[in-house]
Amino acid sequence: MDWYYATAGGQGHGPVPAARLRELAATGEIGPATLVWREGMAQWQPLAQVASELGLPGFGASRPPLPPAAAAGPYAPPQAWDSARPAPVVQPVPTYLAWAILTTLLCCWPLGVVSIVHACKVDRRRAEGDLAGALEASRKARLWALWSALSVLIALAAFVFLSVLGELLG
């Protein structure tokens, strides 16, 4: 059976046979706290916890086990896709980037630029797992694009009003 192990520097190694793991333990290249994994294990575990399975005397679990989050670390075991379990539903978050660009070019560019800045934050925050931040950035992008478009309508209405007023008075 092939094993994988991670050194203290975070370097992953493997697959290696159990005999090679025993050699590495005997030479001191790996120790009881070294994380190991093989197919069939739920997560990476310290070598001390699987020492009896590998036939390593004196490697008993004398140290407390690593916390579960630290045990998985960046070396989470490969996950098989369970077709019975549906894929997680991720809420789509609109960026309003197209509206931001159009209102920048066709309406009020200072307000449109602010809209573009907020629209660009949406995908980054969503990728970071900050759904609330992505929704907030999306809301602000839409709001600033709307204000940019409305500023042109307000300016146009003021122009028409002043033109009509000038004709009536003049």
N, C-alpha and C. Protein backbone atom coordinates (compact mmCIF):
# COMPACT_ATOMS: atom_id res chain seq x y z
N MET A 1 0.85 -1.17 0.00
CA MET A 1 0.00 0.00 0.00
C MET A 1 0.89 1.23 0.00
N ASP A 2 0.56 2.21 -0.84
CA ASP A 2 1.35 3.42 -0.96
C ASP A 2 0.92 4.47 0.04
N TRP A 3 1.92 5.18 0.55
CA TRP A 3 1.71 6.22 1.55
C TRP A 3 2.21 7.55 1.02
N TYR A 4 1.70 8.63 1.57
CA TYR A 4 2.16 9.98 1.29
C TYR A 4 2.53 10.60 2.63
N TYR A 5 3.53 11.49 2.63
CA TYR A 5 3.89 12.15 3.87
C TYR A 5 4.27 13.60 3.57
N ALA A 6 4.13 14.44 4.58
CA ALA A 6 4.44 15.87 4.47
C ALA A 6 5.51 16.20 5.49
N THR A 7 6.60 16.81 5.03
CA THR A 7 7.68 17.20 5.93
C THR A 7 7.32 18.50 6.63
N ALA A 8 8.13 18.87 7.61
CA ALA A 8 7.86 20.06 8.42
C ALA A 8 7.83 21.32 7.57
N GLY A 9 8.59 21.35 6.49
CA GLY A 9 8.61 22.53 5.62
C GLY A 9 7.38 22.65 4.74
N GLY A 10 6.45 21.71 4.86
CA GLY A 10 5.24 21.76 4.06
C GLY A 10 5.37 21.06 2.72
N GLN A 11 6.48 20.38 2.50
CA GLN A 11 6.71 19.68 1.23
C GLN A 11 6.03 18.31 1.27
N GLY A 12 5.19 18.03 0.29
CA GLY A 12 4.53 16.73 0.21
C GLY A 12 5.37 15.73 -0.56
N HIS A 13 5.36 14.48 -0.13
CA HIS A 13 6.14 13.42 -0.79
C HIS A 13 5.26 12.19 -0.97
N GLY A 14 5.57 11.42 -1.97
CA GLY A 14 4.86 10.16 -2.16
C GLY A 14 4.39 10.02 -3.58
N PRO A 15 3.90 8.90 -3.89
CA PRO A 15 3.64 7.74 -3.04
C PRO A 15 4.91 6.95 -2.74
N VAL A 16 4.98 6.43 -1.53
CA VAL A 16 6.10 5.58 -1.11
C VAL A 16 5.53 4.35 -0.43
N PRO A 17 6.21 3.21 -0.54
CA PRO A 17 5.71 2.02 0.15
C PRO A 17 5.95 2.15 1.66
N ALA A 18 5.26 1.30 2.42
CA ALA A 18 5.37 1.32 3.87
C ALA A 18 6.81 1.06 4.32
N ALA A 19 7.53 0.21 3.59
CA ALA A 19 8.92 -0.09 3.95
C ALA A 19 9.78 1.18 3.90
N ARG A 20 9.53 2.04 2.92
CA ARG A 20 10.29 3.28 2.80
C ARG A 20 9.97 4.22 3.98
N LEU A 21 8.72 4.25 4.41
CA LEU A 21 8.36 5.06 5.58
C LEU A 21 9.09 4.57 6.82
N ARG A 22 9.19 3.24 6.96
CA ARG A 22 9.92 2.68 8.11
C ARG A 22 11.39 3.09 8.07
N GLU A 23 11.99 3.08 6.87
CA GLU A 23 13.39 3.49 6.72
C GLU A 23 13.56 4.96 7.11
N LEU A 24 12.65 5.81 6.61
CA LEU A 24 12.73 7.25 6.92
C LEU A 24 12.58 7.49 8.42
N ALA A 25 11.70 6.74 9.08
CA ALA A 25 11.52 6.88 10.52
C ALA A 25 12.77 6.40 11.26
N ALA A 26 13.38 5.32 10.78
CA ALA A 26 14.58 4.77 11.44
C ALA A 26 15.75 5.74 11.33
N THR A 27 15.88 6.43 10.21
CA THR A 27 16.99 7.38 10.03
C THR A 27 16.70 8.73 10.65
N GLY A 28 15.48 8.96 11.11
CA GLY A 28 15.12 10.23 11.74
C GLY A 28 14.70 11.31 10.76
N GLU A 29 14.57 10.95 9.48
CA GLU A 29 14.14 11.95 8.50
C GLU A 29 12.70 12.36 8.72
N ILE A 30 11.90 11.46 9.26
CA ILE A 30 10.52 11.78 9.64
C ILE A 30 10.33 11.35 11.08
N GLY A 31 9.43 12.03 11.77
CA GLY A 31 9.23 11.73 13.19
C GLY A 31 7.76 11.45 13.49
N PRO A 32 7.44 11.27 14.76
CA PRO A 32 6.08 10.94 15.17
C PRO A 32 5.04 12.00 14.77
N ALA A 33 5.46 13.25 14.61
CA ALA A 33 4.52 14.32 14.27
C ALA A 33 4.36 14.50 12.75
N THR A 34 5.15 13.77 11.96
CA THR A 34 5.05 13.89 10.51
C THR A 34 3.67 13.43 10.06
N LEU A 35 3.03 14.23 9.21
CA LEU A 35 1.70 13.88 8.72
C LEU A 35 1.79 12.87 7.59
N VAL A 36 0.98 11.81 7.68
CA VAL A 36 0.97 10.76 6.65
C VAL A 36 -0.47 10.51 6.23
N TRP A 37 -0.60 9.96 5.01
CA TRP A 37 -1.92 9.65 4.48
C TRP A 37 -1.79 8.50 3.49
N ARG A 38 -2.82 7.68 3.43
CA ARG A 38 -2.92 6.63 2.42
C ARG A 38 -4.37 6.56 2.00
N GLU A 39 -4.61 5.92 0.89
CA GLU A 39 -5.98 5.78 0.40
C GLU A 39 -6.80 5.03 1.45
N GLY A 40 -7.99 5.52 1.70
CA GLY A 40 -8.86 4.93 2.71
C GLY A 40 -8.89 5.71 4.00
N MET A 41 -7.92 6.62 4.21
CA MET A 41 -7.92 7.44 5.42
C MET A 41 -8.74 8.70 5.16
N ALA A 42 -9.47 9.15 6.16
CA ALA A 42 -10.32 10.33 5.99
C ALA A 42 -9.50 11.61 5.90
N GLN A 43 -8.38 11.67 6.64
CA GLN A 43 -7.56 12.88 6.63
C GLN A 43 -6.12 12.51 6.99
N TRP A 44 -5.23 13.47 6.83
CA TRP A 44 -3.83 13.25 7.19
C TRP A 44 -3.75 13.07 8.71
N GLN A 45 -2.84 12.18 9.13
CA GLN A 45 -2.68 11.91 10.56
C GLN A 45 -1.20 11.88 10.89
N PRO A 46 -0.86 12.20 12.15
CA PRO A 46 0.54 12.09 12.56
C PRO A 46 1.00 10.63 12.48
N LEU A 47 2.25 10.45 12.15
CA LEU A 47 2.82 9.10 12.01
C LEU A 47 2.63 8.30 13.29
N ALA A 48 2.66 8.94 14.44
CA ALA A 48 2.51 8.23 15.72
C ALA A 48 1.17 7.52 15.82
N GLN A 49 0.14 8.06 15.18
CA GLN A 49 -1.19 7.44 15.26
C GLN A 49 -1.32 6.19 14.39
N VAL A 50 -0.48 6.06 13.38
CA VAL A 50 -0.56 4.90 12.50
C VAL A 50 0.69 4.03 12.60
N ALA A 51 1.49 4.25 13.65
CA ALA A 51 2.75 3.54 13.81
C ALA A 51 2.55 2.04 13.92
N SER A 52 1.50 1.60 14.62
CA SER A 52 1.27 0.16 14.77
C SER A 52 0.92 -0.47 13.42
N GLU A 53 0.21 0.25 12.59
CA GLU A 53 -0.14 -0.27 11.26
C GLU A 53 1.10 -0.43 10.39
N LEU A 54 2.08 0.45 10.58
CA LEU A 54 3.31 0.38 9.80
C LEU A 54 4.38 -0.50 10.45
N GLY A 55 4.13 -0.94 11.69
CA GLY A 55 5.11 -1.77 12.38
C GLY A 55 6.28 -0.97 12.90
N LEU A 56 6.02 0.22 13.41
CA LEU A 56 7.08 1.07 13.96
C LEU A 56 7.04 1.00 15.48
N PRO A 57 7.96 0.26 16.10
CA PRO A 57 7.97 0.18 17.57
C PRO A 57 8.47 1.49 18.16
N GLY A 58 7.92 1.86 19.32
CA GLY A 58 8.36 3.08 20.00
C GLY A 58 7.76 4.35 19.43
N PHE A 59 6.90 4.24 18.44
CA PHE A 59 6.28 5.42 17.86
C PHE A 59 4.85 5.56 18.36
N GLY A 60 4.53 4.96 19.49
CA GLY A 60 3.17 5.03 20.01
C GLY A 60 2.73 6.47 20.18
N ALA A 61 1.47 6.68 20.24
CA ALA A 61 0.90 8.03 20.32
C ALA A 61 1.14 8.61 21.71
N SER A 62 2.43 8.93 22.03
CA SER A 62 2.74 9.50 23.33
C SER A 62 2.44 10.99 23.35
N ARG A 63 2.46 11.61 22.20
CA ARG A 63 2.15 13.03 22.11
C ARG A 63 0.65 13.18 21.85
N PRO A 64 0.09 14.30 22.25
CA PRO A 64 -1.33 14.51 21.94
C PRO A 64 -1.49 14.69 20.43
N PRO A 65 -2.60 14.22 19.88
CA PRO A 65 -2.80 14.35 18.44
C PRO A 65 -2.99 15.81 18.04
N LEU A 66 -2.67 16.10 16.79
CA LEU A 66 -2.84 17.46 16.27
C LEU A 66 -4.32 17.77 16.17
N PRO A 67 -4.69 19.03 16.29
CA PRO A 67 -6.09 19.39 16.09
C PRO A 67 -6.51 19.06 14.67
N PRO A 68 -7.79 18.76 14.44
CA PRO A 68 -8.24 18.35 13.11
C PRO A 68 -7.91 19.35 12.02
N ALA A 69 -8.04 20.66 12.29
CA ALA A 69 -7.76 21.65 11.24
C ALA A 69 -6.29 21.62 10.87
N ALA A 70 -5.39 21.46 11.87
CA ALA A 70 -3.97 21.44 11.57
C ALA A 70 -3.58 20.13 10.92
N ALA A 71 -4.26 19.05 11.23
CA ALA A 71 -3.92 17.76 10.65
C ALA A 71 -4.18 17.76 9.15
N ALA A 72 -5.26 18.38 8.71
CA ALA A 72 -5.56 18.40 7.28
C ALA A 72 -4.62 19.36 6.58
N GLY A 73 -4.44 20.56 7.15
CA GLY A 73 -3.54 21.55 6.59
C GLY A 73 -3.74 21.71 5.09
N PRO A 74 -2.68 22.04 4.40
CA PRO A 74 -2.82 22.21 2.95
C PRO A 74 -2.84 20.87 2.22
N TYR A 75 -2.68 19.77 2.95
CA TYR A 75 -2.61 18.46 2.31
C TYR A 75 -3.86 17.65 2.59
N ALA A 76 -4.99 18.20 2.24
CA ALA A 76 -6.24 17.47 2.43
C ALA A 76 -6.25 16.28 1.48
N PRO A 77 -6.73 15.14 1.93
CA PRO A 77 -6.74 13.97 1.04
C PRO A 77 -7.69 14.19 -0.13
N PRO A 78 -7.42 13.54 -1.23
CA PRO A 78 -8.32 13.69 -2.38
C PRO A 78 -9.72 13.23 -2.01
N GLN A 79 -10.70 13.95 -2.48
CA GLN A 79 -12.08 13.63 -2.19
C GLN A 79 -12.75 13.04 -3.43
N ALA A 80 -13.36 11.90 -3.27
CA ALA A 80 -14.12 11.31 -4.37
C ALA A 80 -15.47 12.00 -4.43
N TRP A 81 -15.95 12.25 -5.63
CA TRP A 81 -17.23 12.92 -5.79
C TRP A 81 -18.35 11.94 -5.51
N ASP A 82 -19.20 12.31 -4.61
CA ASP A 82 -20.35 11.50 -4.25
C ASP A 82 -21.52 11.94 -5.11
N SER A 83 -21.87 11.15 -6.11
CA SER A 83 -22.93 11.56 -7.03
C SER A 83 -24.29 11.60 -6.35
N ALA A 84 -24.43 10.94 -5.21
CA ALA A 84 -25.71 10.98 -4.49
C ALA A 84 -25.88 12.32 -3.78
N ARG A 85 -24.76 12.96 -3.46
CA ARG A 85 -24.81 14.25 -2.78
C ARG A 85 -24.82 15.37 -3.82
N PRO A 86 -25.81 16.25 -3.79
CA PRO A 86 -25.84 17.31 -4.79
C PRO A 86 -24.71 18.31 -4.56
N ALA A 87 -24.31 18.96 -5.63
CA ALA A 87 -23.27 19.97 -5.54
C ALA A 87 -23.79 21.15 -4.71
N PRO A 88 -22.91 21.80 -3.97
CA PRO A 88 -23.37 22.94 -3.18
C PRO A 88 -23.86 24.06 -4.08
N VAL A 89 -24.94 24.69 -3.67
CA VAL A 89 -25.51 25.79 -4.45
C VAL A 89 -24.86 27.08 -3.98
N VAL A 90 -24.25 27.77 -4.91
CA VAL A 90 -23.59 29.03 -4.60
C VAL A 90 -24.43 30.15 -5.19
N GLN A 91 -24.78 31.09 -4.36
CA GLN A 91 -25.63 32.19 -4.79
C GLN A 91 -24.88 33.07 -5.79
N PRO A 92 -25.44 33.29 -6.99
CA PRO A 92 -24.78 34.19 -7.93
C PRO A 92 -24.90 35.63 -7.45
N VAL A 93 -23.83 36.38 -7.64
CA VAL A 93 -23.82 37.78 -7.23
C VAL A 93 -23.56 38.62 -8.48
N PRO A 94 -24.51 39.46 -8.89
CA PRO A 94 -24.29 40.28 -10.09
C PRO A 94 -23.23 41.35 -9.83
N THR A 95 -22.39 41.59 -10.84
CA THR A 95 -21.32 42.58 -10.67
C THR A 95 -21.74 43.97 -11.14
N TYR A 96 -22.66 44.06 -12.08
CA TYR A 96 -23.08 45.33 -12.68
C TYR A 96 -21.93 46.05 -13.35
N LEU A 97 -20.90 45.30 -13.77
CA LEU A 97 -19.74 45.92 -14.40
C LEU A 97 -20.10 46.54 -15.74
N ALA A 98 -20.94 45.87 -16.53
CA ALA A 98 -21.33 46.42 -17.83
C ALA A 98 -22.07 47.74 -17.65
N TRP A 99 -22.98 47.79 -16.68
CA TRP A 99 -23.70 49.03 -16.41
C TRP A 99 -22.75 50.12 -15.94
N ALA A 100 -21.79 49.73 -15.12
CA ALA A 100 -20.82 50.70 -14.61
C ALA A 100 -20.00 51.30 -15.76
N ILE A 101 -19.57 50.46 -16.68
CA ILE A 101 -18.78 50.95 -17.82
C ILE A 101 -19.62 51.85 -18.71
N LEU A 102 -20.85 51.41 -19.01
CA LEU A 102 -21.72 52.22 -19.88
C LEU A 102 -22.04 53.58 -19.26
N THR A 103 -22.34 53.59 -17.97
CA THR A 103 -22.65 54.88 -17.35
C THR A 103 -21.41 55.76 -17.24
N THR A 104 -20.24 55.15 -17.16
CA THR A 104 -19.01 55.94 -17.14
C THR A 104 -18.79 56.60 -18.50
N LEU A 105 -19.01 55.83 -19.56
CA LEU A 105 -18.76 56.36 -20.90
C LEU A 105 -19.87 57.30 -21.38
N LEU A 106 -21.11 57.02 -21.05
CA LEU A 106 -22.23 57.76 -21.62
C LEU A 106 -22.86 58.78 -20.67
N CYS A 107 -22.57 58.70 -19.40
CA CYS A 107 -23.26 59.57 -18.44
C CYS A 107 -22.24 60.40 -17.68
N CYS A 108 -22.21 60.23 -16.40
CA CYS A 108 -21.35 61.01 -15.52
C CYS A 108 -20.14 60.17 -15.14
N TRP A 109 -18.99 60.48 -15.72
CA TRP A 109 -17.85 59.60 -15.51
C TRP A 109 -17.35 59.54 -14.06
N PRO A 110 -17.37 60.60 -13.27
CA PRO A 110 -16.88 60.45 -11.88
C PRO A 110 -17.71 59.42 -11.09
N LEU A 111 -19.02 59.46 -11.25
CA LEU A 111 -19.86 58.49 -10.54
C LEU A 111 -19.71 57.09 -11.15
N GLY A 112 -19.52 57.03 -12.45
CA GLY A 112 -19.34 55.74 -13.13
C GLY A 112 -18.06 55.05 -12.70
N VAL A 113 -17.00 55.82 -12.47
CA VAL A 113 -15.72 55.23 -12.04
C VAL A 113 -15.88 54.59 -10.66
N VAL A 114 -16.61 55.24 -9.77
CA VAL A 114 -16.86 54.66 -8.45
C VAL A 114 -17.63 53.36 -8.60
N SER A 115 -18.58 53.34 -9.52
CA SER A 115 -19.35 52.12 -9.78
C SER A 115 -18.45 51.00 -10.30
N ILE A 116 -17.51 51.33 -11.17
CA ILE A 116 -16.57 50.32 -11.70
C ILE A 116 -15.72 49.74 -10.56
N VAL A 117 -15.26 50.61 -9.67
CA VAL A 117 -14.42 50.14 -8.55
C VAL A 117 -15.19 49.13 -7.70
N HIS A 118 -16.44 49.44 -7.38
CA HIS A 118 -17.24 48.52 -6.56
C HIS A 118 -17.57 47.24 -7.34
N ALA A 119 -17.81 47.36 -8.65
CA ALA A 119 -18.13 46.19 -9.46
C ALA A 119 -16.94 45.23 -9.52
N CYS A 120 -15.73 45.77 -9.53
CA CYS A 120 -14.54 44.92 -9.56
C CYS A 120 -14.30 44.20 -8.23
N LYS A 121 -14.83 44.71 -7.15
CA LYS A 121 -14.66 44.08 -5.84
C LYS A 121 -15.56 42.85 -5.67
N VAL A 122 -16.63 42.75 -6.46
CA VAL A 122 -17.63 41.69 -6.25
C VAL A 122 -17.00 40.31 -6.41
N ASP A 123 -16.38 40.03 -7.55
CA ASP A 123 -15.84 38.69 -7.80
C ASP A 123 -14.70 38.35 -6.84
N ARG A 124 -13.88 39.33 -6.51
CA ARG A 124 -12.76 39.05 -5.60
C ARG A 124 -13.29 38.65 -4.22
N ARG A 125 -14.26 39.38 -3.73
CA ARG A 125 -14.80 39.06 -2.40
C ARG A 125 -15.53 37.73 -2.41
N ARG A 126 -16.23 37.43 -3.50
CA ARG A 126 -16.93 36.15 -3.60
C ARG A 126 -15.93 35.01 -3.63
N ALA A 127 -14.82 35.19 -4.35
CA ALA A 127 -13.78 34.16 -4.41
C ALA A 127 -13.12 33.95 -3.05
N GLU A 128 -13.05 35.00 -2.25
CA GLU A 128 -12.47 34.89 -0.90
C GLU A 128 -13.44 34.26 0.08
N GLY A 129 -14.67 34.02 -0.37
CA GLY A 129 -15.67 33.41 0.50
C GLY A 129 -16.47 34.43 1.30
N ASP A 130 -16.29 35.71 1.01
CA ASP A 130 -16.99 36.78 1.71
C ASP A 130 -18.25 37.13 0.94
N LEU A 131 -19.30 36.32 1.10
CA LEU A 131 -20.54 36.53 0.35
C LEU A 131 -21.21 37.84 0.75
N ALA A 132 -21.20 38.16 2.03
CA ALA A 132 -21.81 39.42 2.48
C ALA A 132 -21.09 40.62 1.87
N GLY A 133 -19.77 40.57 1.83
CA GLY A 133 -18.99 41.65 1.22
C GLY A 133 -19.24 41.75 -0.28
N ALA A 134 -19.39 40.60 -0.94
CA ALA A 134 -19.68 40.61 -2.38
C ALA A 134 -21.05 41.21 -2.65
N LEU A 135 -22.03 40.86 -1.83
CA LEU A 135 -23.37 41.42 -2.01
C LEU A 135 -23.37 42.92 -1.75
N GLU A 136 -22.61 43.37 -0.76
CA GLU A 136 -22.52 44.80 -0.47
C GLU A 136 -21.84 45.55 -1.62
N ALA A 137 -20.76 45.01 -2.16
CA ALA A 137 -20.07 45.64 -3.29
C ALA A 137 -20.99 45.66 -4.51
N SER A 138 -21.77 44.61 -4.72
CA SER A 138 -22.72 44.57 -5.83
C SER A 138 -23.79 45.65 -5.67
N ARG A 139 -24.29 45.78 -4.45
CA ARG A 139 -25.31 46.80 -4.19
C ARG A 139 -24.76 48.20 -4.45
N LYS A 140 -23.52 48.46 -4.01
CA LYS A 140 -22.92 49.78 -4.22
C LYS A 140 -22.63 50.04 -5.70
N ALA A 141 -22.21 49.01 -6.43
CA ALA A 141 -21.95 49.18 -7.87
C ALA A 141 -23.25 49.56 -8.58
N ARG A 142 -24.34 48.89 -8.24
CA ARG A 142 -25.63 49.21 -8.85
C ARG A 142 -26.07 50.62 -8.47
N LEU A 143 -25.91 50.98 -7.21
CA LEU A 143 -26.32 52.30 -6.73
C LEU A 143 -25.56 53.41 -7.44
N TRP A 144 -24.24 53.29 -7.55
CA TRP A 144 -23.44 54.33 -8.19
C TRP A 144 -23.71 54.39 -9.69
N ALA A 145 -23.96 53.26 -10.35
CA ALA A 145 -24.32 53.27 -11.77
C ALA A 145 -25.67 53.98 -11.96
N LEU A 146 -26.60 53.72 -11.05
CA LEU A 146 -27.91 54.39 -11.12
C LEU A 146 -27.76 55.90 -10.94
N TRP A 147 -26.97 56.32 -9.96
CA TRP A 147 -26.77 57.75 -9.75
C TRP A 147 -26.09 58.39 -10.95
N SER A 148 -25.18 57.68 -11.57
CA SER A 148 -24.52 58.21 -12.77
C SER A 148 -25.52 58.42 -13.89
N ALA A 149 -26.40 57.44 -14.10
CA ALA A 149 -27.42 57.57 -15.15
C ALA A 149 -28.43 58.65 -14.79
N LEU A 150 -28.84 58.71 -13.54
CA LEU A 150 -29.81 59.72 -13.11
C LEU A 150 -29.25 61.13 -13.20
N SER A 151 -27.94 61.29 -12.99
CA SER A 151 -27.35 62.62 -13.07
C SER A 151 -27.51 63.21 -14.47
N VAL A 152 -27.41 62.38 -15.50
CA VAL A 152 -27.61 62.87 -16.87
C VAL A 152 -29.07 63.25 -17.08
N LEU A 153 -29.98 62.43 -16.57
CA LEU A 153 -31.41 62.75 -16.71
C LEU A 153 -31.75 64.04 -15.97
N ILE A 154 -31.19 64.23 -14.80
CA ILE A 154 -31.44 65.46 -14.04
C ILE A 154 -30.86 66.66 -14.78
N ALA A 155 -29.66 66.51 -15.30
CA ALA A 155 -29.04 67.61 -16.05
C ALA A 155 -29.85 67.93 -17.31
N LEU A 156 -30.33 66.91 -17.99
CA LEU A 156 -31.14 67.11 -19.19
C LEU A 156 -32.46 67.79 -18.85
N ALA A 157 -33.10 67.37 -17.77
CA ALA A 157 -34.36 68.00 -17.34
C ALA A 157 -34.12 69.46 -16.96
N ALA A 158 -33.02 69.75 -16.28
CA ALA A 158 -32.69 71.13 -15.92
C ALA A 158 -32.45 71.97 -17.16
N PHE A 159 -31.77 71.40 -18.15
CA PHE A 159 -31.51 72.12 -19.40
C PHE A 159 -32.82 72.45 -20.12
N VAL A 160 -33.72 71.47 -20.21
CA VAL A 160 -35.01 71.69 -20.88
C VAL A 160 -35.81 72.74 -20.10
N PHE A 161 -35.84 72.63 -18.76
CA PHE A 161 -36.58 73.58 -17.94
C PHE A 161 -36.05 75.00 -18.14
N LEU A 162 -34.74 75.15 -18.11
CA LEU A 162 -34.14 76.48 -18.28
C LEU A 162 -34.36 77.01 -19.69
N SER A 163 -34.36 76.14 -20.69
CA SER A 163 -34.62 76.56 -22.07
C SER A 163 -36.05 77.06 -22.22
N VAL A 164 -37.00 76.32 -21.67
CA VAL A 164 -38.41 76.72 -21.73
C VAL A 164 -38.62 78.02 -20.94
N LEU A 165 -38.00 78.13 -19.77
CA LEU A 165 -38.10 79.34 -18.98
C LEU A 165 -37.52 80.53 -19.71
N GLY A 166 -36.39 80.33 -20.39
CA GLY A 166 -35.78 81.40 -21.16
C GLY A 166 -36.65 81.85 -22.31
N GLU A 167 -37.35 80.92 -22.96
CA GLU A 167 -38.25 81.26 -24.06
C GLU A 167 -39.45 82.04 -23.55
N LEU A 168 -39.96 81.65 -22.38
CA LEU A 168 -41.13 82.33 -21.83
C LEU A 168 -40.79 83.76 -21.35
N LEU A 169 -39.60 83.93 -20.81
CA LEU A 169 -39.22 85.23 -20.29
C LEU A 169 -38.57 86.12 -21.33
N GLY A 170 -38.09 85.51 -22.34
CA GLY A 170 -37.27 86.28 -23.22
C GLY A 170 -37.71 86.55 -24.54
